[in-house]
Amino acid sequence: MIGYTRAARVWAWPEPVDMRAGFDRLFGLVASAEGFDPMSGDYYLFVNARRNRAKVLLYDGTGLCIYHKRLERGRFATP
C-alpha cells in the first residue's frame, strides 16, 4: 500500500465551466485566481451548468491529472 500523509484540500470553482476544457484551460483558470497555485497538490473541482458532469484537476508531483465524472441520473450538489 502506498501511503499519503499530506492533508488534501478540495477547492470548488464557483461558476460553471465548459466541460470541453482541457488541461491548459483549467490550469489557466486556477492560476488566474488570486492565491491559488495549480501545482500545489490541491484538488480543483469544476462542474458544468447542468451539474451532471464534473472534472477534478490535480498536480500529482509529476504532471497534471484530470478526473472526469458524468452522471447518468441526478445532479451534483451545488458547491
N, C-alpha and C. Protein backbone atom coordinates (compact mmCIF):
# COMPACT_ATOMS: atom_id res chain seq x y z
N MET A 1 0.84 -1.17 0.00
CA MET A 1 0.00 0.00 0.00
C MET A 1 0.89 1.24 0.00
N ILE A 2 0.53 2.20 -0.77
CA ILE A 2 1.25 3.47 -0.85
C ILE A 2 0.60 4.44 0.12
N GLY A 3 1.39 5.00 1.02
CA GLY A 3 0.86 5.95 2.00
C GLY A 3 0.90 7.36 1.48
N TYR A 4 -0.03 8.16 1.92
CA TYR A 4 -0.09 9.57 1.56
C TYR A 4 -0.38 10.34 2.83
N THR A 5 0.58 11.11 3.31
CA THR A 5 0.44 11.76 4.61
C THR A 5 -0.05 13.19 4.53
N ARG A 6 -0.06 13.80 3.37
CA ARG A 6 -0.46 15.19 3.22
C ARG A 6 -1.98 15.32 3.29
N ALA A 7 -2.45 16.31 3.99
CA ALA A 7 -3.89 16.59 4.04
C ALA A 7 -4.31 17.17 2.70
N ALA A 8 -5.33 16.61 2.10
CA ALA A 8 -5.79 17.08 0.80
C ALA A 8 -6.84 18.16 0.98
N ARG A 9 -6.72 19.21 0.19
CA ARG A 9 -7.73 20.28 0.18
C ARG A 9 -8.43 20.25 -1.17
N VAL A 10 -9.72 20.46 -1.15
CA VAL A 10 -10.53 20.49 -2.37
C VAL A 10 -11.13 21.87 -2.50
N TRP A 11 -10.93 22.48 -3.66
CA TRP A 11 -11.47 23.80 -3.95
C TRP A 11 -12.50 23.67 -5.07
N ALA A 12 -13.70 24.13 -4.85
CA ALA A 12 -14.77 24.09 -5.85
C ALA A 12 -14.81 25.41 -6.60
N TRP A 13 -14.75 25.34 -7.93
CA TRP A 13 -14.82 26.54 -8.76
C TRP A 13 -16.23 27.10 -8.69
N PRO A 14 -16.40 28.41 -8.46
CA PRO A 14 -17.72 28.97 -8.18
C PRO A 14 -18.67 29.06 -9.38
N GLU A 15 -18.14 29.13 -10.61
CA GLU A 15 -19.01 29.25 -11.80
C GLU A 15 -18.96 27.96 -12.61
N PRO A 16 -20.02 27.71 -13.40
CA PRO A 16 -19.99 26.55 -14.29
C PRO A 16 -18.86 26.68 -15.31
N VAL A 17 -18.31 25.54 -15.72
CA VAL A 17 -17.21 25.51 -16.67
C VAL A 17 -17.60 24.62 -17.84
N ASP A 18 -17.22 25.01 -19.05
CA ASP A 18 -17.44 24.21 -20.25
C ASP A 18 -16.60 22.93 -20.10
N MET A 19 -17.24 21.77 -20.16
CA MET A 19 -16.55 20.51 -19.94
C MET A 19 -15.65 20.10 -21.10
N ARG A 20 -15.62 20.89 -22.15
CA ARG A 20 -14.64 20.65 -23.22
C ARG A 20 -13.27 21.17 -22.82
N ALA A 21 -13.21 21.93 -21.73
CA ALA A 21 -11.95 22.49 -21.26
C ALA A 21 -10.98 21.37 -20.89
N GLY A 22 -9.74 21.56 -21.30
CA GLY A 22 -8.71 20.57 -21.02
C GLY A 22 -7.71 21.09 -19.99
N PHE A 23 -6.54 20.48 -20.00
CA PHE A 23 -5.51 20.80 -19.02
C PHE A 23 -5.17 22.29 -19.01
N ASP A 24 -4.89 22.85 -20.18
CA ASP A 24 -4.43 24.24 -20.24
C ASP A 24 -5.48 25.24 -19.76
N ARG A 25 -6.71 25.05 -20.17
CA ARG A 25 -7.77 25.99 -19.76
C ARG A 25 -8.04 25.91 -18.26
N LEU A 26 -8.16 24.70 -17.73
CA LEU A 26 -8.41 24.55 -16.29
C LEU A 26 -7.23 25.06 -15.48
N PHE A 27 -6.02 24.76 -15.94
CA PHE A 27 -4.81 25.26 -15.27
C PHE A 27 -4.83 26.79 -15.28
N GLY A 28 -5.20 27.39 -16.40
CA GLY A 28 -5.26 28.85 -16.52
C GLY A 28 -6.29 29.47 -15.59
N LEU A 29 -7.44 28.82 -15.45
CA LEU A 29 -8.47 29.34 -14.53
C LEU A 29 -7.95 29.37 -13.10
N VAL A 30 -7.33 28.30 -12.68
CA VAL A 30 -6.81 28.23 -11.30
C VAL A 30 -5.67 29.22 -11.12
N ALA A 31 -4.76 29.27 -12.09
CA ALA A 31 -3.59 30.16 -11.99
C ALA A 31 -4.00 31.63 -11.95
N SER A 32 -5.11 31.96 -12.63
CA SER A 32 -5.55 33.37 -12.67
C SER A 32 -6.28 33.78 -11.39
N ALA A 33 -6.71 32.80 -10.61
CA ALA A 33 -7.42 33.11 -9.36
C ALA A 33 -6.41 33.55 -8.30
N GLU A 34 -6.75 34.57 -7.57
CA GLU A 34 -5.88 35.13 -6.53
C GLU A 34 -5.61 34.12 -5.42
N GLY A 35 -4.35 33.83 -5.17
CA GLY A 35 -3.98 33.00 -4.03
C GLY A 35 -4.02 31.49 -4.26
N PHE A 36 -4.23 31.04 -5.49
CA PHE A 36 -4.27 29.62 -5.77
C PHE A 36 -3.11 29.21 -6.67
N ASP A 37 -2.52 28.06 -6.38
CA ASP A 37 -1.42 27.52 -7.17
C ASP A 37 -1.83 26.15 -7.70
N PRO A 38 -2.03 26.02 -9.02
CA PRO A 38 -2.48 24.74 -9.56
C PRO A 38 -1.48 23.61 -9.38
N MET A 39 -0.24 23.92 -9.02
CA MET A 39 0.77 22.89 -8.82
C MET A 39 1.03 22.63 -7.34
N SER A 40 0.07 22.98 -6.49
CA SER A 40 0.21 22.82 -5.04
C SER A 40 -0.12 21.41 -4.56
N GLY A 41 -0.80 20.62 -5.41
CA GLY A 41 -1.23 19.30 -4.98
C GLY A 41 -2.66 19.30 -4.47
N ASP A 42 -3.29 20.47 -4.44
CA ASP A 42 -4.69 20.55 -4.04
C ASP A 42 -5.58 20.08 -5.19
N TYR A 43 -6.80 19.70 -4.86
CA TYR A 43 -7.78 19.27 -5.86
C TYR A 43 -8.64 20.47 -6.23
N TYR A 44 -8.88 20.67 -7.52
CA TYR A 44 -9.73 21.76 -8.01
C TYR A 44 -10.90 21.15 -8.75
N LEU A 45 -12.11 21.38 -8.23
CA LEU A 45 -13.33 20.78 -8.76
C LEU A 45 -14.07 21.78 -9.64
N PHE A 46 -14.47 21.30 -10.82
CA PHE A 46 -15.23 22.10 -11.77
C PHE A 46 -16.48 21.32 -12.16
N VAL A 47 -17.63 22.00 -12.28
CA VAL A 47 -18.86 21.36 -12.75
C VAL A 47 -19.43 22.17 -13.90
N ASN A 48 -20.26 21.52 -14.73
CA ASN A 48 -20.91 22.24 -15.82
C ASN A 48 -22.20 22.90 -15.32
N ALA A 49 -22.86 23.63 -16.20
CA ALA A 49 -24.05 24.39 -15.80
C ALA A 49 -25.20 23.47 -15.37
N ARG A 50 -25.34 22.31 -15.99
CA ARG A 50 -26.42 21.37 -15.62
C ARG A 50 -26.04 20.53 -14.41
N ARG A 51 -24.80 20.59 -13.97
CA ARG A 51 -24.27 19.88 -12.81
C ARG A 51 -24.41 18.36 -12.94
N ASN A 52 -24.31 17.87 -14.19
CA ASN A 52 -24.32 16.42 -14.38
C ASN A 52 -22.93 15.91 -14.79
N ARG A 53 -21.98 16.81 -14.90
CA ARG A 53 -20.59 16.45 -15.21
C ARG A 53 -19.65 17.23 -14.31
N ALA A 54 -18.57 16.59 -13.94
CA ALA A 54 -17.57 17.24 -13.09
C ALA A 54 -16.17 16.83 -13.53
N LYS A 55 -15.24 17.73 -13.34
CA LYS A 55 -13.83 17.45 -13.57
C LYS A 55 -13.05 17.89 -12.35
N VAL A 56 -12.01 17.15 -12.05
CA VAL A 56 -11.10 17.50 -10.97
C VAL A 56 -9.71 17.62 -11.57
N LEU A 57 -9.05 18.74 -11.32
CA LEU A 57 -7.68 18.98 -11.76
C LEU A 57 -6.77 18.79 -10.57
N LEU A 58 -5.69 18.03 -10.78
CA LEU A 58 -4.74 17.72 -9.71
C LEU A 58 -3.34 17.65 -10.28
N TYR A 59 -2.39 18.26 -9.59
CA TYR A 59 -0.97 18.08 -9.91
C TYR A 59 -0.44 17.05 -8.93
N ASP A 60 0.03 15.90 -9.44
CA ASP A 60 0.44 14.80 -8.57
C ASP A 60 1.93 14.74 -8.29
N GLY A 61 2.66 15.76 -8.68
CA GLY A 61 4.11 15.78 -8.46
C GLY A 61 4.89 15.48 -9.71
N THR A 62 4.25 14.81 -10.68
CA THR A 62 4.92 14.52 -11.94
C THR A 62 4.23 15.18 -13.12
N GLY A 63 2.98 15.55 -12.96
CA GLY A 63 2.23 16.18 -14.03
C GLY A 63 0.79 16.41 -13.61
N LEU A 64 0.04 17.00 -14.52
CA LEU A 64 -1.38 17.29 -14.25
C LEU A 64 -2.23 16.07 -14.55
N CYS A 65 -3.25 15.87 -13.74
CA CYS A 65 -4.24 14.81 -13.94
C CYS A 65 -5.62 15.46 -13.98
N ILE A 66 -6.47 14.94 -14.85
CA ILE A 66 -7.87 15.35 -14.88
C ILE A 66 -8.72 14.10 -14.67
N TYR A 67 -9.61 14.17 -13.71
CA TYR A 67 -10.59 13.12 -13.47
C TYR A 67 -11.94 13.66 -13.90
N HIS A 68 -12.65 12.89 -14.70
CA HIS A 68 -13.92 13.35 -15.27
C HIS A 68 -15.01 12.37 -14.86
N LYS A 69 -16.12 12.90 -14.37
CA LYS A 69 -17.26 12.08 -13.95
C LYS A 69 -18.51 12.59 -14.62
N ARG A 70 -19.28 11.67 -15.22
CA ARG A 70 -20.56 12.02 -15.84
C ARG A 70 -21.65 11.20 -15.16
N LEU A 71 -22.67 11.88 -14.66
CA LEU A 71 -23.79 11.20 -14.03
C LEU A 71 -24.82 10.82 -15.08
N GLU A 72 -25.31 9.60 -15.01
CA GLU A 72 -26.37 9.16 -15.91
C GLU A 72 -27.72 9.66 -15.41
N ARG A 73 -27.87 9.78 -14.09
CA ARG A 73 -29.09 10.31 -13.49
C ARG A 73 -28.70 11.24 -12.36
N GLY A 74 -29.53 12.24 -12.11
CA GLY A 74 -29.29 13.14 -10.98
C GLY A 74 -28.29 14.24 -11.32
N ARG A 75 -27.95 14.99 -10.27
CA ARG A 75 -27.05 16.13 -10.42
C ARG A 75 -26.13 16.21 -9.22
N PHE A 76 -24.98 16.81 -9.43
CA PHE A 76 -24.08 17.08 -8.31
C PHE A 76 -24.66 18.20 -7.47
N ALA A 77 -24.38 18.20 -6.19
CA ALA A 77 -24.83 19.26 -5.30
C ALA A 77 -24.15 20.57 -5.69
N THR A 78 -24.81 21.67 -5.42
CA THR A 78 -24.22 22.98 -5.70
C THR A 78 -23.04 23.21 -4.76
N PRO A 79 -21.87 23.54 -5.34
CA PRO A 79 -20.70 23.78 -4.46
C PRO A 79 -20.89 24.99 -3.59
